[in-house]
Amino acid sequence: MEKIRSHTSTITSQGSAANGLRAGLFFCLLAVGGCLCSCDDPAKMNLAVEALKTRETKVVARETASQEREEQFVERERQLAAAAASLDRQRAELEELKKKLLDDIAETKRRQDALLLREKRGPAPAVSAQRVAIIDPATGDILAEKNADRRAPVASTQKLLTALIIIEAGGLDEMVTIEKEDSNCAPVKIALAEGEKYSRRQLLGVLMVKSFNNVARALARDNAGSPELFAEKMNARAKALGMTDSHFVNPNGLPADEQYSTAHDMALLARAADALPELRAMVSTRFFEWKRANGAVDKFENTNRVLRTYEFCDGMKTGYTDAAGHCLVASGEKDGRRRIVVVLSDTTGAVWKDAEALLEWSLKG
């Protein structure tokens, strides 16, 4: 563009010069005409005039030819600029196609590896749990499922969503002042007195290990103003995670009308929870020391028995109500492979064995 402006300026300058030349020739003609007026030889006078006219014609012709060449040059410059822009676009498109091709190749290899691994593992073990989903948190792939889209309550496993929202809000070391209404819920509860203060981190830690329902209410009220308003946040966050078959009414999973989820949706939630280092540390804690406001210390053992029975298990959350049955979200890692198992609507004796068997199967190399 700078070159085009430069040549355009040149054309303008030359046009001005040509105009000045015409004016000079015109005045010369006048001067010559004045001189020739005094000439007594008409033939000489005519010859002089014709010579000046011829000279002017040649100058105009040269000027026109020069202007035409300049215009042709500007047009060539414009065409070259357009061609360069087109070439840049083609290069960008080629780079995009190259990237897509490499991504497709990588995805194809990943799927081939997954198929080979699945063939090596064989079919998933049969379990008594009515609703099951196993997810690879690294890719989001569902490795196995059973009635994974069936809606039903999920009990305290939904506290993973409560913890996710609290952690994402930040300020975990800020204090929460306990209010009387926080304990207006059914057991399981920990003794919390009105006016006592605990950090959000401490409340979250005991919630993930021992699943106290009044702790979930205190955190929800602190975050949103009330458990009911917090439930609105839960549903909004669930929707953002792609949990299209879930609806939550309270932060603790206690029975409530129109409260439900699925094994598939809980797998999506567990994957998001697993991506938070703070939450992963909390759900993997075998024993949690609860320091009361009066200084006394209680030691609580994690309700997730698979943490004790299977060496590769490192979390996550248990749950039980009559409507939901026994539920467990269990995570594990072995030889660089990480898996999360969701077992819902199971029985007392089978839930731990089912989760362990599915983890063992999914972690096979």
Protein backbone atom coordinates (compact mmCIF):
# COMPACT_ATOMS: atom_id res chain seq x y z
CA MET A 1 0.00 0.00 0.00
CA GLU A 2 2.90 2.39 0.75
CA LYS A 3 4.32 1.72 -2.69
CA ILE A 4 0.92 2.41 -4.26
CA ARG A 5 0.62 5.72 -2.38
CA SER A 6 4.16 6.64 -3.47
CA HIS A 7 3.40 6.02 -7.13
CA THR A 8 0.09 7.78 -6.88
CA SER A 9 1.94 10.78 -5.44
CA THR A 10 4.40 10.56 -8.34
CA ILE A 11 1.57 10.63 -10.84
CA THR A 12 0.08 13.65 -9.15
CA SER A 13 3.45 15.43 -9.15
CA GLN A 14 4.06 14.62 -12.77
CA GLY A 15 0.56 15.77 -13.66
CA SER A 16 1.26 19.07 -11.94
CA ALA A 17 4.56 19.38 -13.75
CA ALA A 18 2.85 18.66 -17.05
CA ASN A 19 0.25 21.30 -16.38
CA GLY A 20 3.04 23.74 -15.61
CA LEU A 21 4.73 22.79 -18.85
CA ARG A 22 1.53 23.41 -20.79
CA ALA A 23 1.20 26.79 -19.16
CA GLY A 24 4.82 27.59 -20.00
CA LEU A 25 4.28 26.61 -23.61
CA PHE A 26 1.14 28.70 -23.71
CA PHE A 27 2.97 31.77 -22.47
CA CYS A 28 5.80 31.05 -24.88
CA LEU A 29 3.26 31.00 -27.67
CA LEU A 30 1.94 34.32 -26.48
CA ALA A 31 5.42 35.75 -26.31
CA VAL A 32 6.39 34.35 -29.66
CA GLY A 33 3.09 35.49 -31.06
CA GLY A 34 3.79 38.97 -29.77
CA CYS A 35 7.21 38.97 -31.33
CA LEU A 36 5.95 37.54 -34.55
CA CYS A 37 3.28 40.13 -34.74
CA SER A 38 6.02 42.56 -35.50
CA CYS A 39 7.45 40.17 -38.09
CA ASP A 40 6.76 41.17 -41.64
CA ASP A 41 7.26 37.58 -42.95
CA PRO A 42 4.00 35.62 -42.53
CA ALA A 43 5.63 32.34 -43.64
CA LYS A 44 8.24 32.45 -40.88
CA MET A 45 5.57 33.32 -38.38
CA ASN A 46 3.47 30.28 -39.41
CA LEU A 47 6.46 27.97 -39.21
CA ALA A 48 7.30 29.12 -35.70
CA VAL A 49 3.75 28.65 -34.51
CA GLU A 50 3.56 25.17 -36.03
CA ALA A 51 6.85 24.20 -34.39
CA LEU A 52 5.57 25.24 -30.98
CA LYS A 53 2.31 23.34 -31.49
CA THR A 54 4.24 20.22 -32.51
CA ARG A 55 6.42 20.49 -29.44
CA GLU A 56 3.38 20.83 -27.19
CA THR A 57 1.72 17.80 -28.83
CA LYS A 58 4.81 15.67 -28.18
CA VAL A 59 4.97 16.75 -24.54
CA VAL A 60 1.29 15.91 -24.02
CA ALA A 61 1.79 12.54 -25.74
CA ARG A 62 4.78 11.75 -23.50
CA GLU A 63 2.81 12.80 -20.43
CA THR A 64 -0.18 10.61 -21.42
CA ALA A 65 2.05 7.61 -22.06
CA SER A 66 3.80 8.11 -18.71
CA GLN A 67 0.49 8.37 -16.87
CA GLU A 68 -0.76 5.19 -18.55
CA ARG A 69 2.41 3.35 -17.50
CA GLU A 70 1.97 4.57 -13.94
CA GLU A 71 -1.65 3.42 -13.87
CA GLN A 72 -0.59 0.02 -15.21
CA PHE A 73 2.05 -0.18 -12.49
CA VAL A 74 -0.47 0.70 -9.76
CA GLU A 75 -2.84 -1.97 -11.13
CA ARG A 76 -0.04 -4.55 -11.08
CA GLU A 77 0.76 -3.56 -7.49
CA ARG A 78 -2.90 -3.99 -6.55
CA GLN A 79 -3.03 -7.41 -8.20
CA LEU A 80 0.16 -8.47 -6.43
CA ALA A 81 -1.24 -7.35 -3.06
CA ALA A 82 -4.45 -9.28 -3.69
CA ALA A 83 -2.45 -12.35 -4.71
CA ALA A 84 -0.31 -12.07 -1.56
CA ALA A 85 -3.43 -11.82 0.64
CA SER A 86 -4.92 -14.84 -1.11
CA LEU A 87 -1.69 -16.77 -0.58
CA ASP A 88 -1.72 -15.91 3.13
CA ARG A 89 -5.30 -17.17 3.41
CA GLN A 90 -4.38 -20.39 1.64
CA ARG A 91 -1.41 -20.90 3.94
CA ALA A 92 -3.64 -20.38 7.00
CA GLU A 93 -6.20 -22.84 5.63
CA LEU A 94 -3.45 -25.38 4.98
CA GLU A 95 -2.14 -24.99 8.53
CA GLU A 96 -5.65 -25.47 9.89
CA LEU A 97 -6.13 -28.58 7.74
CA LYS A 98 -2.75 -29.89 8.87
CA LYS A 99 -3.69 -29.38 12.52
CA LYS A 100 -7.05 -31.08 12.02
CA LEU A 101 -5.38 -33.99 10.26
CA LEU A 102 -2.89 -34.43 13.11
CA ASP A 103 -5.73 -34.24 15.66
CA ASP A 104 -7.71 -36.83 13.68
CA ILE A 105 -4.67 -39.12 13.54
CA ALA A 106 -4.14 -38.76 17.30
CA GLU A 107 -7.82 -39.39 18.01
CA THR A 108 -7.84 -42.45 15.74
CA LYS A 109 -4.79 -43.85 17.54
CA ARG A 110 -6.36 -43.16 20.90
CA ARG A 111 -9.53 -45.00 19.91
CA GLN A 112 -7.53 -47.91 18.50
CA ASP A 113 -5.55 -48.14 21.75
CA ALA A 114 -8.80 -48.00 23.74
CA LEU A 115 -10.29 -50.82 21.66
CA LEU A 116 -7.18 -52.95 22.10
CA LEU A 117 -7.22 -52.26 25.83
CA ARG A 118 -10.91 -53.14 26.03
CA GLU A 119 -10.29 -56.40 24.22
CA LYS A 120 -7.44 -57.15 26.60
CA ARG A 121 -9.58 -56.41 29.66
CA GLY A 122 -12.53 -58.41 28.41
CA PRO A 123 -16.13 -57.68 29.44
CA ALA A 124 -16.85 -55.71 32.58
CA PRO A 125 -17.69 -57.83 35.62
CA ALA A 126 -21.37 -58.40 36.41
CA VAL A 127 -22.53 -56.40 39.42
CA SER A 128 -25.72 -56.10 41.44
CA ALA A 129 -25.78 -52.30 41.25
CA GLN A 130 -28.72 -51.16 39.15
CA ARG A 131 -27.02 -48.09 37.69
CA VAL A 132 -23.34 -47.98 36.68
CA ALA A 133 -20.97 -45.79 34.69
CA ILE A 134 -17.18 -45.89 34.39
CA ILE A 135 -15.39 -42.85 32.99
CA ASP A 136 -11.84 -42.09 31.91
CA PRO A 137 -11.34 -38.60 33.39
CA ALA A 138 -8.51 -37.83 30.99
CA THR A 139 -10.68 -38.19 27.88
CA GLY A 140 -14.26 -38.24 29.13
CA ASP A 141 -14.83 -41.64 27.49
CA ILE A 142 -17.42 -43.89 29.12
CA LEU A 143 -15.72 -47.28 29.38
CA ALA A 144 -18.71 -49.28 30.60
CA GLU A 145 -22.25 -48.59 31.72
CA LYS A 146 -25.44 -50.19 32.99
CA ASN A 147 -28.74 -48.30 32.99
CA ALA A 148 -26.54 -45.20 33.03
CA ASP A 149 -29.35 -42.82 32.01
CA ARG A 150 -31.97 -44.05 34.49
CA ARG A 151 -33.09 -41.22 36.79
CA ALA A 152 -33.26 -41.81 40.56
CA PRO A 153 -31.93 -40.27 43.81
CA VAL A 154 -28.18 -40.46 44.38
CA ALA A 155 -28.09 -39.66 48.11
CA SER A 156 -24.94 -38.06 49.52
CA THR A 157 -22.86 -38.60 46.38
CA GLN A 158 -24.37 -35.29 45.21
CA LYS A 159 -22.31 -33.60 47.94
CA LEU A 160 -19.53 -33.74 45.35
CA LEU A 161 -21.45 -31.00 43.53
CA THR A 162 -21.83 -29.03 46.77
CA ALA A 163 -18.07 -29.24 47.36
CA LEU A 164 -17.30 -28.39 43.73
CA ILE A 165 -19.30 -25.14 43.93
CA ILE A 166 -17.80 -24.12 47.28
CA ILE A 167 -14.22 -24.75 46.11
CA GLU A 168 -14.75 -22.93 42.81
CA ALA A 169 -16.07 -19.92 44.76
CA GLY A 170 -12.72 -19.70 46.60
CA GLY A 171 -11.89 -18.24 50.00
CA LEU A 172 -11.57 -21.65 51.63
CA ASP A 173 -9.73 -20.27 54.65
CA GLU A 174 -12.45 -17.74 55.44
CA MET A 175 -14.63 -18.46 58.46
CA VAL A 176 -18.24 -19.61 58.50
CA THR A 177 -20.37 -18.68 61.49
CA ILE A 178 -22.77 -21.49 62.38
CA GLU A 179 -26.46 -20.60 62.64
CA LYS A 180 -29.20 -22.55 64.42
CA GLU A 181 -31.04 -23.30 61.17
CA ASP A 182 -28.01 -25.18 59.79
CA SER A 183 -28.89 -28.24 61.86
CA ASN A 184 -32.55 -28.31 60.82
CA CYS A 185 -32.04 -31.57 58.95
CA ALA A 186 -32.06 -35.29 59.55
CA PRO A 187 -29.01 -37.20 60.72
CA VAL A 188 -26.19 -37.84 59.99
CA LYS A 189 -25.13 -34.65 61.84
CA ILE A 190 -22.16 -33.39 63.78
CA ALA A 191 -22.63 -31.29 66.88
CA LEU A 192 -22.56 -27.66 65.74
CA ALA A 193 -23.51 -24.87 68.11
CA GLU A 194 -24.92 -21.53 67.03
CA GLY A 195 -22.18 -18.89 66.87
CA GLU A 196 -19.28 -21.33 66.45
CA LYS A 197 -16.86 -20.54 63.65
CA TYR A 198 -15.09 -22.93 61.30
CA SER A 199 -13.18 -22.38 58.08
CA ARG A 200 -14.79 -23.47 54.83
CA ARG A 201 -11.83 -25.78 54.29
CA GLN A 202 -12.40 -27.53 57.63
CA LEU A 203 -16.13 -27.90 56.96
CA LEU A 204 -15.48 -29.27 53.45
CA GLY A 205 -12.92 -31.74 54.79
CA VAL A 206 -15.29 -33.30 57.30
CA LEU A 207 -18.13 -33.22 54.76
CA MET A 208 -16.17 -35.30 52.25
CA VAL A 209 -14.90 -37.77 54.85
CA LYS A 210 -17.93 -38.24 57.11
CA SER A 211 -20.81 -36.73 55.08
CA PHE A 212 -22.50 -34.71 57.84
CA ASN A 213 -25.74 -33.24 56.49
CA ASN A 214 -25.78 -30.12 58.66
CA VAL A 215 -22.28 -29.24 57.46
CA ALA A 216 -23.58 -29.25 53.88
CA ARG A 217 -26.42 -26.91 54.89
CA ALA A 218 -24.02 -24.52 56.66
CA LEU A 219 -21.77 -24.32 53.60
CA ALA A 220 -24.74 -23.83 51.28
CA ARG A 221 -26.23 -21.04 53.39
CA ASP A 222 -22.85 -19.34 53.67
CA ASN A 223 -22.39 -19.47 49.90
CA ALA A 224 -25.85 -18.55 48.60
CA GLY A 225 -27.84 -17.20 51.54
CA SER A 226 -29.97 -20.32 51.98
CA PRO A 227 -29.96 -24.01 51.02
CA GLU A 228 -32.80 -23.31 48.58
CA LEU A 229 -30.86 -20.62 46.74
CA PHE A 230 -27.82 -22.87 46.76
CA ALA A 231 -29.87 -25.58 45.03
CA GLU A 232 -30.41 -23.14 42.17
CA LYS A 233 -26.64 -22.82 41.88
CA MET A 234 -26.33 -26.60 41.90
CA ASN A 235 -28.72 -26.96 38.99
CA ALA A 236 -27.01 -24.20 37.00
CA ARG A 237 -23.58 -25.76 37.54
CA ALA A 238 -24.92 -29.21 36.69
CA LYS A 239 -26.31 -27.89 33.44
CA ALA A 240 -22.95 -26.32 32.59
CA LEU A 241 -21.30 -29.72 33.16
CA GLY A 242 -23.69 -31.35 30.69
CA MET A 243 -25.73 -33.12 33.37
CA THR A 244 -28.97 -33.06 31.40
CA ASP A 245 -30.78 -35.71 33.47
CA SER A 246 -30.27 -34.24 36.94
CA HIS A 247 -32.19 -31.98 39.29
CA PHE A 248 -31.19 -31.04 42.82
CA VAL A 249 -33.29 -29.66 45.68
CA ASN A 250 -30.85 -29.62 48.61
CA PRO A 251 -27.06 -29.65 49.17
CA ASN A 252 -26.86 -32.91 51.10
CA GLY A 253 -28.84 -35.52 49.16
CA LEU A 254 -31.52 -36.14 51.76
CA PRO A 255 -34.82 -37.36 50.27
CA ALA A 256 -36.79 -34.67 48.41
CA ASP A 257 -39.38 -34.64 45.67
CA GLU A 258 -38.00 -34.10 42.18
CA GLN A 259 -34.40 -34.70 43.22
CA TYR A 260 -32.58 -37.15 40.99
CA SER A 261 -29.57 -37.84 38.80
CA THR A 262 -28.08 -40.64 36.70
CA ALA A 263 -24.90 -42.69 36.71
CA HIS A 264 -23.80 -40.95 33.51
CA ASP A 265 -24.40 -37.47 34.94
CA MET A 266 -22.63 -38.37 38.19
CA ALA A 267 -19.65 -39.55 36.14
CA LEU A 268 -19.49 -36.09 34.52
CA LEU A 269 -19.66 -34.47 37.95
CA ALA A 270 -16.98 -36.77 39.33
CA ARG A 271 -14.69 -35.94 36.42
CA ALA A 272 -15.03 -32.21 37.13
CA ALA A 273 -14.48 -32.78 40.86
CA ASP A 274 -11.42 -34.92 40.13
CA ALA A 275 -9.85 -31.98 38.26
CA LEU A 276 -9.73 -29.87 41.46
CA PRO A 277 -6.57 -30.63 43.51
CA GLU A 278 -8.20 -29.40 46.74
CA LEU A 279 -11.16 -31.71 46.30
CA ARG A 280 -9.03 -34.69 45.31
CA ALA A 281 -7.01 -34.24 48.49
CA MET A 282 -10.17 -34.10 50.61
CA VAL A 283 -11.85 -37.21 49.18
CA SER A 284 -8.65 -39.24 49.48
CA THR A 285 -8.26 -38.52 53.21
CA ARG A 286 -8.49 -41.74 55.23
CA PHE A 287 -8.81 -40.04 58.62
CA PHE A 288 -9.88 -36.48 59.32
CA GLU A 289 -9.15 -34.60 62.53
CA TRP A 290 -12.03 -32.29 63.48
CA LYS A 291 -11.05 -29.57 65.90
CA ARG A 292 -14.08 -28.32 67.78
CA ALA A 293 -14.55 -24.69 68.78
CA ASN A 294 -13.71 -25.61 72.40
CA GLY A 295 -10.37 -27.12 71.34
CA ALA A 296 -11.35 -30.77 71.57
CA VAL A 297 -10.35 -32.97 68.62
CA ASP A 298 -12.39 -35.78 67.08
CA LYS A 299 -10.96 -38.23 64.56
CA PHE A 300 -13.27 -39.45 61.79
CA GLU A 301 -12.65 -42.33 59.41
CA ASN A 302 -13.67 -42.01 55.76
CA THR A 303 -16.98 -43.71 54.96
CA ASN A 304 -15.49 -45.03 51.69
CA ARG A 305 -14.43 -48.57 52.60
CA VAL A 306 -12.79 -49.17 49.23
CA LEU A 307 -10.07 -46.74 50.32
CA ARG A 308 -9.13 -49.38 52.90
CA THR A 309 -9.60 -52.53 50.84
CA TYR A 310 -8.18 -51.63 47.42
CA GLU A 311 -4.70 -50.16 47.19
CA PHE A 312 -5.31 -48.25 43.97
CA CYS A 313 -8.46 -46.45 45.18
CA ASP A 314 -7.93 -42.78 46.13
CA GLY A 315 -11.48 -41.32 46.63
CA MET A 316 -14.38 -40.22 46.26
CA LYS A 317 -17.85 -40.18 47.96
CA THR A 318 -20.41 -42.49 49.50
CA GLY A 319 -24.17 -42.13 49.85
CA TYR A 320 -27.22 -43.91 51.15
CA THR A 321 -30.96 -43.38 51.52
CA ASP A 322 -33.81 -45.87 51.27
CA ALA A 323 -34.84 -44.35 47.94
CA ALA A 324 -31.33 -44.22 46.46
CA GLY A 325 -29.99 -47.46 47.90
CA HIS A 326 -26.28 -47.73 48.54
CA CYS A 327 -24.26 -45.44 46.26
CA LEU A 328 -20.55 -44.92 45.74
CA VAL A 329 -18.37 -42.84 43.45
CA ALA A 330 -14.86 -44.32 43.58
CA SER A 331 -11.70 -43.11 41.85
CA GLY A 332 -8.43 -44.91 41.32
CA GLU A 333 -5.12 -44.78 39.46
CA LYS A 334 -2.67 -47.46 38.35
CA ASP A 335 0.33 -47.32 36.00
CA GLY A 336 -0.67 -43.86 34.77
CA ARG A 337 -4.27 -44.89 34.05
CA ARG A 338 -6.96 -43.07 36.00
CA ARG A 339 -10.59 -44.18 36.26
CA ILE A 340 -13.77 -43.18 38.11
CA VAL A 341 -16.51 -45.70 38.86
CA VAL A 342 -20.09 -44.68 39.67
CA VAL A 343 -22.16 -47.36 41.40
CA LEU A 344 -25.76 -46.44 42.28
CA SER A 345 -28.83 -48.25 43.63
CA ASP A 346 -26.80 -51.09 45.11
CA THR A 347 -27.13 -53.23 48.24
CA THR A 348 -25.35 -53.01 51.58
CA GLY A 349 -23.16 -56.02 51.05
CA ALA A 350 -22.41 -55.54 47.35
CA VAL A 351 -21.67 -51.83 46.89
CA TRP A 352 -18.03 -52.07 48.04
CA LYS A 353 -17.31 -55.29 46.15
CA ASP A 354 -18.95 -53.96 42.98
CA ALA A 355 -16.99 -50.70 43.03
CA GLU A 356 -13.70 -52.50 43.72
CA ALA A 357 -14.30 -55.06 40.97
CA LEU A 358 -15.16 -52.38 38.43
CA LEU A 359 -12.13 -50.30 39.41
CA GLU A 360 -9.85 -53.31 39.11
CA TRP A 361 -11.28 -54.16 35.69
CA SER A 362 -11.06 -50.59 34.35
CA LEU A 363 -7.48 -50.12 35.57
CA LYS A 364 -6.11 -53.20 33.82
CA GLY A 365 -3.24 -52.50 31.43
